[in-house]
Amino acid sequence: MAKYVLYHTEGCHLCEQALELILQLIPSQECELVDILSDEALMVAYQTSIPVIKRCSDEQVLYWPFDQQKIQQLVE
């Protein structure tokens, strides 16, 4: 089961950058990628703020722009 979710969409260069940062700190099997185009509610919630990382344990969300330090704080 994923511990984190990256909300993204295909073709988003910021989302690609975010994924690269995330994978430096979080194992790929712990991070689920969710394309917001797959769900209308996600589109409404995140269409102007992707990429977004959510920690599943407590629903804490990290909005772009973020860096490795902010991701590390989310992981701790």
Protein backbone atom coordinates (compact mmCIF):
# COMPACT_ATOMS: atom_id res chain seq x y z
CA MET A 1 0.00 0.00 0.00
CA ALA A 2 1.24 3.46 -0.92
CA LYS A 3 2.29 5.82 1.84
CA TYR A 4 2.25 8.85 -0.46
CA VAL A 5 0.28 9.98 -3.49
CA LEU A 6 1.54 12.28 -6.20
CA TYR A 7 -1.33 14.01 -7.96
CA HIS A 8 -0.21 14.89 -11.46
CA THR A 9 -1.22 14.88 -15.09
CA GLU A 10 0.54 13.62 -18.21
CA GLY A 11 2.65 16.16 -20.03
CA CYS A 12 3.13 18.39 -16.99
CA HIS A 13 6.83 19.31 -16.80
CA LEU A 14 6.47 20.43 -13.17
CA CYS A 15 4.99 17.05 -12.32
CA GLU A 16 7.96 15.34 -13.94
CA GLN A 17 10.34 17.49 -11.86
CA ALA A 18 8.37 16.71 -8.71
CA LEU A 19 8.51 12.97 -9.39
CA GLU A 20 12.29 13.12 -9.80
CA LEU A 21 12.60 14.90 -6.43
CA ILE A 22 10.22 12.49 -4.71
CA LEU A 23 11.99 9.38 -5.96
CA GLN A 24 15.25 10.60 -4.43
CA LEU A 25 13.64 10.37 -0.97
CA ILE A 26 10.70 7.96 -1.23
CA PRO A 27 10.91 4.43 -2.67
CA SER A 28 8.77 4.12 -5.81
CA GLN A 29 6.66 1.33 -4.26
CA GLU A 30 5.59 3.75 -1.49
CA CYS A 31 4.38 6.44 -3.89
CA GLU A 32 1.22 6.08 -5.95
CA LEU A 33 0.87 8.27 -9.04
CA VAL A 34 -2.67 9.53 -9.61
CA ASP A 35 -3.54 11.43 -12.78
CA ILE A 36 -6.11 14.06 -11.81
CA LEU A 37 -7.77 13.68 -15.22
CA SER A 38 -9.06 10.31 -14.02
CA ASP A 39 -11.44 11.89 -11.50
CA GLU A 40 -13.55 15.02 -11.80
CA ALA A 41 -13.30 15.78 -8.06
CA LEU A 42 -9.51 15.64 -8.27
CA MET A 43 -9.60 17.97 -11.28
CA VAL A 44 -11.61 20.50 -9.32
CA ALA A 45 -9.40 20.17 -6.25
CA TYR A 46 -5.97 20.21 -7.89
CA GLN A 47 -6.15 21.52 -11.44
CA THR A 48 -4.35 24.77 -10.62
CA SER A 49 -1.96 23.36 -8.01
CA ILE A 50 -0.42 20.17 -9.41
CA PRO A 51 1.94 18.61 -8.66
CA VAL A 52 0.68 17.82 -5.17
CA ILE A 53 2.03 15.22 -2.72
CA LYS A 54 -0.26 13.75 -0.06
CA ARG A 55 0.89 11.70 2.91
CA CYS A 56 -1.73 8.97 3.28
CA SER A 57 -1.37 8.44 7.02
CA ASP A 58 -2.76 11.85 7.97
CA GLU A 59 -3.79 13.41 4.65
CA GLN A 60 -1.15 16.15 4.94
CA VAL A 61 -0.65 17.80 1.55
CA LEU A 62 2.37 19.50 0.04
CA TYR A 63 1.66 21.85 -2.86
CA TRP A 64 4.10 22.88 -5.57
CA PRO A 65 6.57 24.52 -5.41
CA PHE A 66 8.46 22.20 -3.08
CA ASP A 67 12.03 21.02 -2.82
CA GLN A 68 13.82 18.04 -1.29
CA GLN A 69 13.88 19.70 2.14
CA LYS A 70 10.10 20.10 2.18
CA ILE A 71 9.61 16.54 0.96
CA GLN A 72 11.99 15.32 3.70
CA GLN A 73 9.93 17.18 6.31
CA LEU A 74 6.79 15.51 4.98
CA VAL A 75 8.46 12.10 5.18
CA GLU A 76 9.66 12.62 8.78
